[in-house]
Amino acid sequence: MVRHQYSIKRDHLKKLFSILLIFFLPLAIYAQQGLYIAPGTRLQVTGNEVVSIFGNVSNNGAFGSSNVAVINFFGKTWNNGNGSTLPDESADGFSGKGGLFRFSGDNPLYGNLGAQQLFGGYSVVTRTGATFPNFEVNNRLGILLSDLSDVKVRNNLHFTTGHIFLNGWNLVVGDRHPGTITGYSEQTFVVTGTNIAGGFLYREQVNAAAGKVVFPVGTSPSAYAPAAVEFGGAADDFKVRAFDSVYQFAISGPANRLDFTNKTWNIAREQNLAGEAKITLQHMDAEEGPDYADYRSSSYLSRYINNAWDYLETPENFPLPGNLTTTNTLRNATMHYRVFAGINSNEYFAKSSVVYGPYAPAVFIDFNAWRVSANFAQLEWYVSRELNNDRFEIERRFDRDTGFTKVGELPSQAPDGNSNIRLDYRYTDANNYEGWTYYRIRAVAKNGRESYSRVKAVPPFLTVDVWPNPNRGQFNVRVRGEQTDMIMQVVNMAGQVMNQYAIRGEANIRVEGLAKGSYLLVFYDRHSSRLMYTRKVIVIDRG
């Protein structure tokens, strides 16, 4: 039976209204604390009736409505119990338009009751339970989904003011079609929560005919982050949620707060069938990391795939002002889109700038280093491109050391650290070490990313005197400044080794018997075979 525990009042202060009870049970129509519909009982709001409920609702039966009926709910909690339904005017109770269930926060009888709580009585797992025909959010403090229950709206979800807080549960819009969501903006939308795990906003049976299907979600009331899906494959159910931070491994690892916006979008689908998908994501500009903000014009939508966020050196399109809203285009929001040949059953997306990823702050063309004296080494390097580069650090290692040490630095010559033309750099290092020295150049970006040149080995300073030169086939060689074992080869212009001499430390060598021609004296480190020095000798005639 229907207990007399409800408050129902028609708008415009009319004293009577039409409520059709399918079983013609007696109803007392006067203000009380709540409405209880017993199992097996149906309450139907017909015609263009506008009904207001000021207390709580416990629906364990059927609360029906016609296609122009409006039910204003001002109470604190609404509970759809097991086996409850919310049928429309159609024969089957679900294929028609149905009435509008409007949740409003300012109770005319009891004042503002704060956020309203909704136990929807639906399950996305079993796809069973109560479903609202149409639903309107009109509570500036929001509607909170109660634990252990999802909510489904068959036709239209409309936002006037306030948010729906999923609270870890799910909201489904559409019934064998995507349904419609209207009135959403950066001020009113579905709040999925800031954590990695949480509830989703579902849209049923998305396909090409549905066009752009918008998921107006955000992580908190001040962090609107909607998504849109345009899917060209067979109709499929899609779900979307957003959460704060972009983690190295999508849902784990360190968070990148520099090169990304502060949002990750989790987009999933049921069937995982083939089909092109255009994904559009929008964020509030206040959510941008500092390096992302500097390079917003070169930002893009990034997909987590193969255990990493993918990288686009050349973004496919430019960012746009945010228009995933039913109000005016948002100038403080930015929108990106990207087309994928297909998306999997569970995907993660984020937004990055070109300063993220496997980019090199500097692309090295070449790097050379050599001794100019016993006390100095000269270093030169050339780069073809710099991206967000801050400086070049000169690193050095002596052959007795186990690691490189920074010995100097040069600032980037590129304007603001960015250049697509060749730039040359030179550095003189004070170095009187008597053994081998190894150099490399480390490019350091403004965000700390780095890239390295190749390692260049520089031999100890070697003084080689040759006299006479030119000569008539006999000459002297004096070697100074090296204390390790060397090999000196006399090589003709055809590359043939004419003579070879072992040298230990400083030495004096007499070379004889060479025919007319040009030769190279080539000095190698005996143990590593590394080239140390070359000197040209000319024989003009045999003496």
Protein backbone atom coordinates (compact mmCIF):
# COMPACT_ATOMS: atom_id res chain seq x y z
CA MET A 1 0.00 0.00 0.00
CA VAL A 2 1.02 3.69 -0.14
CA ARG A 3 1.80 5.07 3.25
CA HIS A 4 0.84 8.68 3.92
CA GLN A 5 4.45 9.81 4.40
CA TYR A 6 5.03 12.34 1.66
CA SER A 7 4.76 16.01 0.88
CA ILE A 8 3.42 16.74 -2.62
CA LYS A 9 2.45 20.21 -3.74
CA ARG A 10 1.50 21.46 -7.17
CA ASP A 11 3.15 24.65 -8.52
CA HIS A 12 1.14 27.91 -8.73
CA LEU A 13 -0.34 27.15 -5.29
CA LYS A 14 -3.16 25.02 -6.71
CA LYS A 15 -4.77 22.85 -4.09
CA LEU A 16 -5.57 19.87 -6.30
CA PHE A 17 -3.60 17.93 -8.87
CA SER A 18 -4.06 14.74 -10.80
CA ILE A 19 -2.19 11.68 -9.67
CA LEU A 20 -3.32 8.44 -11.19
CA LEU A 21 -2.82 5.43 -8.97
CA ILE A 22 -2.84 2.31 -11.09
CA PHE A 23 -4.39 0.37 -8.27
CA PHE A 24 -6.63 3.28 -7.16
CA LEU A 25 -5.32 3.20 -3.62
CA PRO A 26 -6.38 6.08 -1.42
CA LEU A 27 -3.87 8.91 -1.03
CA ALA A 28 -3.88 11.72 1.46
CA ILE A 29 -2.60 14.88 -0.20
CA TYR A 30 -1.02 17.10 2.37
CA ALA A 31 2.46 18.14 3.51
CA GLN A 32 4.33 15.48 5.47
CA GLN A 33 7.95 14.40 5.78
CA GLY A 34 8.38 12.05 2.82
CA LEU A 35 7.06 9.90 0.02
CA TYR A 36 7.12 6.15 0.28
CA ILE A 37 6.02 3.95 -2.64
CA ALA A 38 5.54 0.36 -1.55
CA PRO A 39 6.55 -2.67 -3.63
CA GLY A 40 3.91 -3.56 -6.20
CA THR A 41 2.44 -0.05 -6.18
CA ARG A 42 2.57 2.45 -9.04
CA LEU A 43 2.30 6.21 -8.69
CA GLN A 44 1.79 8.00 -12.03
CA VAL A 45 2.11 11.74 -12.71
CA THR A 46 0.08 12.36 -15.87
CA GLY A 47 -0.50 15.12 -18.39
CA ASN A 48 1.40 18.34 -17.88
CA GLU A 49 1.31 18.12 -14.10
CA VAL A 50 4.11 19.85 -12.16
CA VAL A 51 4.52 18.13 -8.82
CA SER A 52 6.78 19.22 -5.96
CA ILE A 53 8.09 16.89 -3.26
CA PHE A 54 9.52 18.58 -0.18
CA GLY A 55 10.59 15.55 1.86
CA ASN A 56 12.67 12.45 1.22
CA VAL A 57 11.63 9.79 -1.29
CA SER A 58 11.84 6.03 -0.86
CA ASN A 59 10.73 4.32 -4.04
CA ASN A 60 10.29 0.57 -3.83
CA GLY A 61 7.54 0.41 -6.41
CA ALA A 62 6.93 2.34 -9.63
CA PHE A 63 7.04 6.13 -9.93
CA GLY A 64 5.72 6.83 -13.43
CA SER A 65 5.57 10.08 -15.41
CA SER A 66 4.22 11.25 -18.76
CA ASN A 67 6.27 13.03 -21.39
CA VAL A 68 5.45 16.56 -20.18
CA ALA A 69 5.25 15.94 -16.45
CA VAL A 70 7.71 17.64 -14.09
CA ILE A 71 8.63 16.32 -10.65
CA ASN A 72 10.46 18.85 -8.45
CA PHE A 73 12.38 17.13 -5.68
CA PHE A 74 13.39 19.41 -2.80
CA GLY A 75 14.15 16.72 -0.23
CA LYS A 76 17.52 15.59 1.07
CA THR A 77 17.67 11.95 -0.07
CA TRP A 78 16.14 9.94 -2.87
CA ASN A 79 16.31 6.16 -2.67
CA ASN A 80 15.34 3.76 -5.45
CA GLY A 81 15.06 0.35 -3.86
CA ASN A 82 15.46 -3.11 -5.34
CA GLY A 83 12.82 -3.79 -7.95
CA SER A 84 11.79 -0.13 -8.24
CA THR A 85 11.12 1.48 -11.60
CA LEU A 86 10.58 4.95 -13.08
CA PRO A 87 8.46 4.17 -16.15
CA ASP A 88 7.40 6.60 -18.87
CA GLU A 89 4.15 6.88 -20.83
CA SER A 90 5.00 4.15 -23.36
CA ALA A 91 3.52 0.67 -23.35
CA ASP A 92 6.76 -0.92 -22.20
CA GLY A 93 7.48 1.95 -19.81
CA PHE A 94 10.97 2.66 -21.16
CA SER A 95 10.84 3.59 -24.85
CA GLY A 96 8.95 6.89 -24.43
CA LYS A 97 10.13 10.33 -23.39
CA GLY A 98 8.92 10.33 -19.79
CA GLY A 99 8.79 13.22 -17.36
CA LEU A 100 11.52 15.40 -15.89
CA PHE A 101 12.87 14.70 -12.40
CA ARG A 102 14.36 17.97 -11.17
CA PHE A 103 16.57 17.92 -8.05
CA SER A 104 16.58 21.38 -6.46
CA GLY A 105 18.49 22.51 -3.39
CA ASP A 106 16.43 25.43 -2.06
CA ASN A 107 13.51 23.79 -0.25
CA PRO A 108 10.59 26.28 -0.02
CA LEU A 109 9.43 24.70 3.25
CA TYR A 110 12.65 23.86 5.05
CA GLY A 111 15.28 26.13 3.49
CA ASN A 112 18.49 25.01 1.85
CA LEU A 113 19.22 21.40 2.83
CA GLY A 114 22.68 21.34 1.23
CA ALA A 115 23.85 18.73 -1.25
CA GLN A 116 21.25 16.11 -2.07
CA GLN A 117 21.98 12.39 -1.94
CA LEU A 118 20.82 9.96 -4.60
CA PHE A 119 20.70 6.18 -4.37
CA GLY A 120 19.93 5.42 -7.99
CA GLY A 121 19.20 1.73 -7.67
CA TYR A 122 20.99 0.88 -10.94
CA SER A 123 24.01 -1.38 -11.60
CA VAL A 124 26.33 -0.91 -14.59
CA VAL A 125 27.65 -4.43 -14.03
CA THR A 126 24.31 -6.23 -14.35
CA ARG A 127 22.65 -3.46 -16.43
CA THR A 128 19.57 -3.70 -14.25
CA GLY A 129 17.72 -1.43 -11.84
CA ALA A 130 15.78 1.81 -11.78
CA THR A 131 16.45 4.38 -14.52
CA PHE A 132 15.25 7.99 -14.66
CA PRO A 133 13.63 9.09 -17.94
CA ASN A 134 15.04 12.63 -17.67
CA PHE A 135 17.04 14.32 -14.92
CA GLU A 136 17.86 17.93 -14.09
CA VAL A 137 20.56 19.18 -11.72
CA ASN A 138 19.38 22.39 -10.04
CA ASN A 139 21.29 22.41 -6.76
CA ARG A 140 24.25 24.76 -6.47
CA LEU A 141 25.72 22.50 -3.75
CA GLY A 142 25.39 19.46 -5.95
CA ILE A 143 24.04 15.94 -5.96
CA LEU A 144 26.07 13.18 -4.34
CA LEU A 145 25.71 9.57 -5.46
CA SER A 146 25.25 7.30 -2.46
CA ASP A 147 27.44 4.27 -1.89
CA LEU A 148 26.77 0.92 -3.57
CA SER A 149 24.62 2.26 -6.36
CA ASP A 150 24.97 3.71 -9.85
CA VAL A 151 22.53 6.05 -11.61
CA LYS A 152 21.11 5.85 -15.12
CA VAL A 153 19.22 8.48 -17.14
CA ARG A 154 17.56 7.08 -20.24
CA ASN A 155 17.07 10.24 -22.29
CA ASN A 156 18.28 13.67 -21.18
CA LEU A 157 20.53 14.90 -18.38
CA HIS A 158 20.30 18.67 -17.97
CA PHE A 159 22.44 20.98 -15.83
CA THR A 160 20.99 24.23 -14.55
CA THR A 161 23.31 24.80 -11.61
CA GLY A 162 25.59 22.60 -9.52
CA HIS A 163 27.38 19.31 -10.06
CA ILE A 164 26.85 15.58 -9.85
CA PHE A 165 29.52 14.04 -7.61
CA LEU A 166 30.08 10.40 -8.60
CA ASN A 167 31.69 9.58 -5.26
CA GLY A 168 33.27 6.44 -6.75
CA TRP A 169 30.11 5.26 -8.54
CA ASN A 170 28.87 5.59 -12.11
CA LEU A 171 26.43 7.68 -14.09
CA VAL A 172 24.96 6.31 -17.35
CA VAL A 173 23.25 8.51 -19.94
CA GLY A 174 21.31 6.91 -22.77
CA ASP A 175 19.44 3.66 -23.27
CA ARG A 176 20.49 1.83 -26.43
CA HIS A 177 21.52 5.28 -27.69
CA PRO A 178 23.86 7.99 -26.29
CA GLY A 179 21.04 10.13 -24.92
CA THR A 180 21.66 13.86 -24.55
CA ILE A 181 23.41 16.04 -21.99
CA THR A 182 22.58 19.75 -21.99
CA GLY A 183 23.35 22.86 -19.96
CA TYR A 184 26.90 21.82 -19.03
CA SER A 185 29.73 24.33 -18.68
CA GLU A 186 32.80 24.99 -16.55
CA GLN A 187 30.35 25.84 -13.75
CA THR A 188 28.21 22.70 -13.84
CA PHE A 189 29.25 19.18 -14.82
CA VAL A 190 29.95 15.64 -13.57
CA VAL A 191 32.72 15.46 -10.96
CA THR A 192 34.64 12.18 -11.25
CA GLY A 193 37.16 12.89 -8.45
CA THR A 194 40.88 13.55 -8.25
CA ASN A 195 42.10 10.00 -7.56
CA ILE A 196 43.25 7.39 -10.07
CA ALA A 197 40.31 5.11 -9.33
CA GLY A 198 36.71 6.27 -9.28
CA GLY A 199 33.42 6.44 -11.12
CA PHE A 200 32.79 6.97 -14.84
CA LEU A 201 30.33 8.86 -16.98
CA TYR A 202 28.89 6.41 -19.53
CA ARG A 203 27.27 7.12 -22.89
CA GLU A 204 25.57 4.15 -24.54
CA GLN A 205 25.89 3.05 -28.18
CA VAL A 206 28.16 5.73 -29.59
CA ASN A 207 28.63 5.56 -33.37
CA ALA A 208 29.07 7.79 -36.41
CA ALA A 209 25.39 8.70 -36.50
CA ALA A 210 25.68 10.12 -32.97
CA GLY A 211 28.28 12.67 -34.09
CA LYS A 212 30.35 14.33 -31.37
CA VAL A 213 29.34 12.81 -28.02
CA VAL A 214 30.46 15.02 -25.13
CA PHE A 215 31.40 13.79 -21.67
CA PRO A 216 31.21 16.91 -19.44
CA VAL A 217 33.46 15.76 -16.60
CA GLY A 218 35.97 17.32 -14.24
CA THR A 219 38.00 16.31 -11.22
CA SER A 220 36.62 18.93 -8.82
CA PRO A 221 34.08 21.78 -9.02
CA SER A 222 36.83 24.16 -10.12
CA ALA A 223 38.57 21.79 -12.55
CA TYR A 224 36.41 21.24 -15.62
CA ALA A 225 38.04 18.74 -18.00
CA PRO A 226 35.51 17.49 -20.56
CA ALA A 227 36.11 14.98 -23.34
CA ALA A 228 34.34 14.25 -26.60
CA VAL A 229 34.31 11.09 -28.71
CA GLU A 230 33.50 10.80 -32.41
CA PHE A 231 33.53 7.12 -33.27
CA GLY A 232 33.27 5.65 -36.76
CA GLY A 233 32.95 1.98 -35.88
CA ALA A 234 30.02 -0.19 -34.83
CA ALA A 235 27.99 1.28 -31.98
CA ASP A 236 29.68 0.78 -28.62
CA ASP A 237 29.29 1.96 -25.04
CA PHE A 238 31.98 4.46 -23.98
CA LYS A 239 32.90 5.69 -20.54
CA VAL A 240 35.14 8.57 -19.44
CA ARG A 241 36.64 9.84 -16.24
CA ALA A 242 39.36 12.37 -15.46
CA PHE A 243 41.78 12.42 -12.55
CA ASP A 244 44.55 14.71 -11.35
CA SER A 245 48.24 14.40 -12.27
CA VAL A 246 50.01 12.66 -15.14
CA TYR A 247 52.02 9.68 -13.93
CA GLN A 248 54.96 8.12 -15.72
CA PHE A 249 53.14 4.80 -16.08
CA ALA A 250 49.62 6.25 -16.43
CA ILE A 251 48.46 5.18 -12.95
CA SER A 252 51.79 4.77 -11.16
CA GLY A 253 55.27 6.20 -10.99
CA PRO A 254 56.31 9.82 -10.45
CA ALA A 255 53.99 12.61 -11.55
CA ASN A 256 55.17 15.03 -14.23
CA ARG A 257 54.16 18.50 -13.12
CA LEU A 258 56.23 20.39 -15.70
CA ASP A 259 55.52 19.25 -19.26
CA PHE A 260 51.85 18.22 -18.95
CA THR A 261 48.57 19.63 -17.82
CA ASN A 262 47.45 18.33 -14.44
CA LYS A 263 44.90 15.93 -15.94
CA THR A 264 44.73 12.33 -17.14
CA TRP A 265 41.67 11.08 -19.02
CA ASN A 266 40.69 7.43 -18.73
CA ILE A 267 38.56 6.47 -21.76
CA ALA A 268 37.19 2.96 -22.05
CA ARG A 269 34.70 1.04 -24.17
CA GLU A 270 32.84 -2.26 -23.99
CA GLN A 271 33.38 -4.21 -27.22
CA ASN A 272 36.82 -3.10 -28.45
CA LEU A 273 35.77 -3.38 -32.10
CA ALA A 274 37.65 -1.66 -34.92
CA GLY A 275 36.81 1.90 -35.84
CA GLU A 276 38.42 5.30 -36.22
CA ALA A 277 38.05 7.52 -33.18
CA LYS A 278 38.51 11.27 -32.87
CA ILE A 279 39.22 12.17 -29.26
CA THR A 280 38.86 15.77 -28.07
CA LEU A 281 40.09 16.83 -24.63
CA GLN A 282 39.77 20.19 -22.92
CA HIS A 283 41.47 21.61 -19.83
CA MET A 284 41.43 24.85 -17.88
CA ASP A 285 44.59 26.85 -18.52
CA ALA A 286 45.25 27.16 -14.79
CA GLU A 287 45.98 23.41 -14.79
CA GLU A 288 49.09 23.73 -16.97
CA GLY A 289 52.60 22.87 -15.85
CA PRO A 290 55.11 25.73 -16.25
CA ASP A 291 56.96 24.19 -19.21
CA TYR A 292 53.70 23.18 -20.84
CA ALA A 293 52.41 26.73 -20.53
CA ASP A 294 55.55 28.11 -22.20
CA TYR A 295 55.05 25.75 -25.15
CA ARG A 296 51.26 25.60 -25.31
CA SER A 297 51.33 26.49 -29.01
CA SER A 298 53.34 23.29 -29.60
CA SER A 299 51.28 21.03 -27.37
CA TYR A 300 49.34 17.93 -28.30
CA LEU A 301 47.17 15.09 -27.06
CA SER A 302 49.36 12.24 -25.82
CA ARG A 303 48.34 8.57 -25.62
CA TYR A 304 49.76 6.08 -23.13
CA ILE A 305 50.88 3.12 -25.22
CA ASN A 306 53.69 0.56 -25.01
CA ASN A 307 54.32 1.53 -21.39
CA ALA A 308 55.03 5.18 -22.17
CA TRP A 309 53.35 8.43 -23.16
CA ASP A 310 53.78 8.77 -26.89
CA TYR A 311 55.62 11.75 -28.30
CA LEU A 312 54.79 13.93 -31.30
CA GLU A 313 57.77 15.98 -32.40
CA THR A 314 55.46 17.80 -34.81
CA PRO A 315 51.92 18.12 -33.39
CA GLU A 316 49.19 17.25 -35.87
CA ASN A 317 47.06 20.33 -35.15
CA PHE A 318 47.04 23.51 -33.13
CA PRO A 319 45.37 23.90 -29.72
CA LEU A 320 42.03 25.69 -29.80
CA PRO A 321 39.95 27.72 -27.32
CA GLY A 322 37.70 25.42 -25.33
CA ASN A 323 34.23 25.01 -26.78
CA LEU A 324 33.11 21.82 -25.04
CA THR A 325 30.43 23.82 -23.29
CA THR A 326 26.84 24.87 -23.92
CA THR A 327 27.72 28.46 -23.07
CA ASN A 328 30.19 30.77 -24.82
CA THR A 329 33.62 29.51 -25.88
CA LEU A 330 35.95 29.50 -22.89
CA ARG A 331 38.96 31.78 -23.35
CA ASN A 332 40.62 30.38 -20.23
CA ALA A 333 40.41 26.79 -21.48
CA THR A 334 42.28 24.97 -24.24
CA MET A 335 41.08 22.12 -26.42
CA HIS A 336 43.04 19.52 -28.41
CA TYR A 337 41.93 16.71 -30.67
CA ARG A 338 43.63 13.75 -32.27
CA VAL A 339 42.40 11.02 -34.60
CA PHE A 340 43.29 7.39 -33.87
CA ALA A 341 42.85 4.42 -36.19
CA GLY A 342 41.31 2.64 -33.23
CA ILE A 343 41.30 2.70 -29.45
CA ASN A 344 41.44 -0.21 -27.05
CA SER A 345 39.06 -1.25 -24.32
CA ASN A 346 40.86 0.85 -21.70
CA GLU A 347 43.04 3.81 -22.60
CA TYR A 348 44.75 6.75 -20.90
CA PHE A 349 45.29 10.15 -22.49
CA ALA A 350 46.99 13.35 -21.37
CA LYS A 351 48.25 16.62 -22.82
CA SER A 352 51.91 17.34 -23.36
CA SER A 353 54.11 19.92 -25.02
CA VAL A 354 57.00 19.16 -27.34
CA VAL A 355 59.44 19.70 -24.48
CA TYR A 356 58.36 16.34 -23.08
CA GLY A 357 59.57 13.02 -24.40
CA PRO A 358 62.71 11.67 -26.03
CA TYR A 359 63.70 15.04 -27.43
CA ALA A 360 67.28 16.27 -27.23
CA PRO A 361 67.86 19.78 -25.87
CA ALA A 362 70.57 19.94 -28.55
CA VAL A 363 71.24 17.79 -31.62
CA PHE A 364 75.01 17.51 -32.05
CA ILE A 365 76.50 17.56 -35.55
CA ASP A 366 80.05 16.98 -34.39
CA PHE A 367 82.38 17.40 -31.43
CA ASN A 368 86.17 17.69 -31.54
CA ALA A 369 88.80 18.21 -28.87
CA TRP A 370 92.58 18.47 -29.09
CA ARG A 371 95.57 19.84 -27.28
CA VAL A 372 96.90 23.23 -28.26
CA SER A 373 99.69 23.25 -25.67
CA ALA A 374 100.92 21.44 -22.61
CA ASN A 375 98.48 23.49 -20.52
CA PHE A 376 95.33 23.84 -22.65
CA ALA A 377 92.89 21.77 -24.69
CA GLN A 378 90.59 23.22 -27.34
CA LEU A 379 86.99 21.98 -27.64
CA GLU A 380 84.60 22.73 -30.51
CA TRP A 381 81.09 21.44 -31.16
CA TYR A 382 78.31 22.17 -33.60
CA VAL A 383 74.57 21.68 -33.18
CA SER A 384 71.80 21.60 -35.80
CA ARG A 385 68.91 22.28 -33.42
CA GLU A 386 68.19 23.38 -29.87
CA LEU A 387 64.89 22.95 -28.07
CA ASN A 388 64.24 24.57 -24.70
CA ASN A 389 67.99 24.45 -24.14
CA ASP A 390 69.57 26.32 -21.26
CA ARG A 391 73.30 25.58 -21.37
CA PHE A 392 76.15 23.30 -22.37
CA GLU A 393 78.24 21.77 -19.60
CA ILE A 394 81.79 20.64 -20.35
CA GLU A 395 82.61 17.34 -18.64
CA ARG A 396 86.11 15.89 -18.35
CA ARG A 397 87.63 12.62 -17.20
CA PHE A 398 91.32 11.79 -16.80
CA ASP A 399 92.38 8.24 -17.58
CA ARG A 400 92.97 7.59 -13.88
CA ASP A 401 89.41 8.73 -12.96
CA THR A 402 86.27 6.60 -12.75
CA GLY A 403 83.76 9.26 -13.83
CA PHE A 404 83.25 12.58 -15.57
CA THR A 405 83.45 15.91 -13.74
CA LYS A 406 81.97 19.22 -14.83
CA VAL A 407 84.77 21.71 -15.54
CA GLY A 408 82.87 24.52 -17.26
CA GLU A 409 79.75 25.63 -19.08
CA LEU A 410 78.53 27.89 -21.87
CA PRO A 411 75.02 29.36 -22.15
CA SER A 412 72.88 28.52 -25.15
CA GLN A 413 73.23 30.96 -28.04
CA ALA A 414 69.72 30.11 -29.26
CA PRO A 415 67.01 32.73 -28.62
CA ASP A 416 65.09 31.53 -25.58
CA GLY A 417 66.88 28.21 -26.01
CA ASN A 418 65.24 27.39 -29.36
CA SER A 419 66.87 27.25 -32.78
CA ASN A 420 66.62 25.28 -36.03
CA ILE A 421 69.88 26.52 -37.55
CA ARG A 422 73.48 25.47 -37.02
CA LEU A 423 75.22 27.07 -34.07
CA ASP A 424 78.93 26.70 -33.28
CA TYR A 425 80.50 26.64 -29.82
CA ARG A 426 84.14 26.80 -28.66
CA TYR A 427 85.69 26.32 -25.25
CA THR A 428 89.31 26.30 -24.04
CA ASP A 429 90.00 24.08 -21.06
CA ALA A 430 92.98 24.60 -18.76
CA ASN A 431 94.50 21.12 -18.68
CA ASN A 432 98.13 20.23 -17.96
CA TYR A 433 97.48 16.57 -17.26
CA GLU A 434 100.27 14.37 -18.66
CA GLY A 435 98.04 11.42 -19.53
CA TRP A 436 94.93 10.88 -21.65
CA THR A 437 91.91 13.12 -21.12
CA TYR A 438 88.31 12.38 -22.16
CA TYR A 439 85.77 15.11 -22.89
CA ARG A 440 82.05 15.18 -23.56
CA ILE A 441 79.45 17.95 -23.81
CA ARG A 442 76.19 17.79 -21.85
CA ALA A 443 73.26 19.87 -23.14
CA VAL A 444 70.84 20.75 -20.33
CA ALA A 445 67.28 21.93 -21.02
CA LYS A 446 65.45 24.45 -18.87
CA ASN A 447 63.39 21.66 -17.37
CA GLY A 448 66.46 19.56 -16.55
CA ARG A 449 66.36 17.19 -19.51
CA GLU A 450 69.71 16.44 -21.03
CA SER A 451 71.54 15.04 -24.05
CA TYR A 452 75.21 14.25 -24.64
CA SER A 453 77.76 14.53 -27.38
CA ARG A 454 80.07 11.66 -28.21
CA VAL A 455 83.16 11.23 -26.00
CA LYS A 456 86.39 12.60 -27.44
CA ALA A 457 89.79 11.33 -26.28
CA VAL A 458 92.61 13.86 -26.11
CA PRO A 459 96.17 12.56 -25.82
CA PRO A 460 98.81 14.17 -23.62
CA PHE A 461 100.72 17.03 -25.11
CA LEU A 462 103.33 15.70 -27.50
CA THR A 463 106.21 17.73 -28.98
CA VAL A 464 107.68 16.23 -32.13
CA ASP A 465 110.63 17.87 -33.80
CA VAL A 466 111.73 16.69 -37.27
CA TRP A 467 114.92 17.91 -38.92
CA PRO A 468 115.85 18.48 -41.55
CA ASN A 469 112.45 18.70 -43.22
CA PRO A 470 112.41 18.59 -46.21
CA ASN A 471 115.35 16.15 -46.39
CA ARG A 472 117.17 13.70 -48.67
CA GLY A 473 115.95 10.48 -47.07
CA GLN A 474 117.63 10.76 -43.69
CA PHE A 475 116.20 12.80 -40.79
CA ASN A 476 115.97 12.94 -37.02
CA VAL A 477 112.87 12.76 -34.84
CA ARG A 478 112.84 14.02 -31.27
CA VAL A 479 109.79 13.24 -29.06
CA ARG A 480 109.10 15.16 -25.85
CA GLY A 481 106.21 15.45 -23.37
CA GLU A 482 104.97 11.85 -23.32
CA GLN A 483 105.87 9.27 -20.70
CA THR A 484 103.91 6.28 -21.99
CA ASP A 485 104.81 3.65 -24.56
CA MET A 486 104.18 4.63 -28.18
CA ILE A 487 104.63 3.33 -31.69
CA MET A 488 105.79 5.60 -34.49
CA GLN A 489 105.03 4.49 -38.03
CA VAL A 490 106.43 6.00 -41.22
CA VAL A 491 103.59 5.76 -43.76
CA ASN A 492 103.69 6.69 -47.46
CA MET A 493 100.82 8.36 -49.30
CA ALA A 494 99.52 4.95 -50.43
CA GLY A 495 99.03 3.97 -46.79
CA GLN A 496 101.93 1.53 -46.67
CA VAL A 497 103.96 1.32 -43.46
CA MET A 498 107.58 1.77 -44.47
CA ASN A 499 109.11 1.61 -40.98
CA GLN A 500 107.91 1.22 -37.39
CA TYR A 501 109.63 2.26 -34.17
CA ALA A 502 108.88 1.54 -30.53
CA ILE A 503 109.17 4.56 -28.26
CA ARG A 504 109.19 4.61 -24.48
CA GLY A 505 108.73 8.10 -23.11
CA GLU A 506 110.93 10.79 -24.59
CA ALA A 507 113.16 9.62 -27.43
CA ASN A 508 115.45 10.53 -30.32
CA ILE A 509 115.09 8.53 -33.54
CA ARG A 510 117.16 8.43 -36.73
CA VAL A 511 115.21 7.57 -39.89
CA GLU A 512 117.09 6.58 -43.06
CA GLY A 513 116.61 5.02 -46.44
CA LEU A 514 113.42 6.68 -47.65
CA ALA A 515 112.82 7.34 -51.33
CA LYS A 516 111.69 10.64 -52.73
CA GLY A 517 108.11 11.46 -51.76
CA SER A 518 105.79 12.58 -48.96
CA TYR A 519 105.37 10.63 -45.73
CA LEU A 520 103.44 10.80 -42.50
CA LEU A 521 104.86 10.12 -39.09
CA VAL A 522 101.96 8.55 -37.20
CA PHE A 523 102.15 8.10 -33.43
CA TYR A 524 99.92 5.57 -31.62
CA ASP A 525 99.47 4.67 -27.99
CA ARG A 526 101.09 1.25 -27.83
CA HIS A 527 98.53 -0.32 -25.46
CA SER A 528 95.26 1.09 -26.82
CA SER A 529 96.31 1.75 -30.45
CA ARG A 530 94.74 5.21 -30.19
CA LEU A 531 96.04 7.83 -32.59
CA MET A 532 98.04 10.49 -30.79
CA TYR A 533 99.77 12.63 -33.36
CA THR A 534 100.70 12.96 -37.04
CA ARG A 535 103.48 14.92 -38.75
CA LYS A 536 104.24 15.31 -42.46
CA VAL A 537 107.76 14.75 -43.79
CA ILE A 538 108.99 15.46 -47.34
CA VAL A 539 111.92 13.66 -48.97
CA ILE A 540 113.11 15.66 -51.97
CA ASP A 541 115.84 13.33 -53.20
CA ARG A 542 118.17 10.60 -52.05
CA GLY A 543 121.37 11.92 -50.65
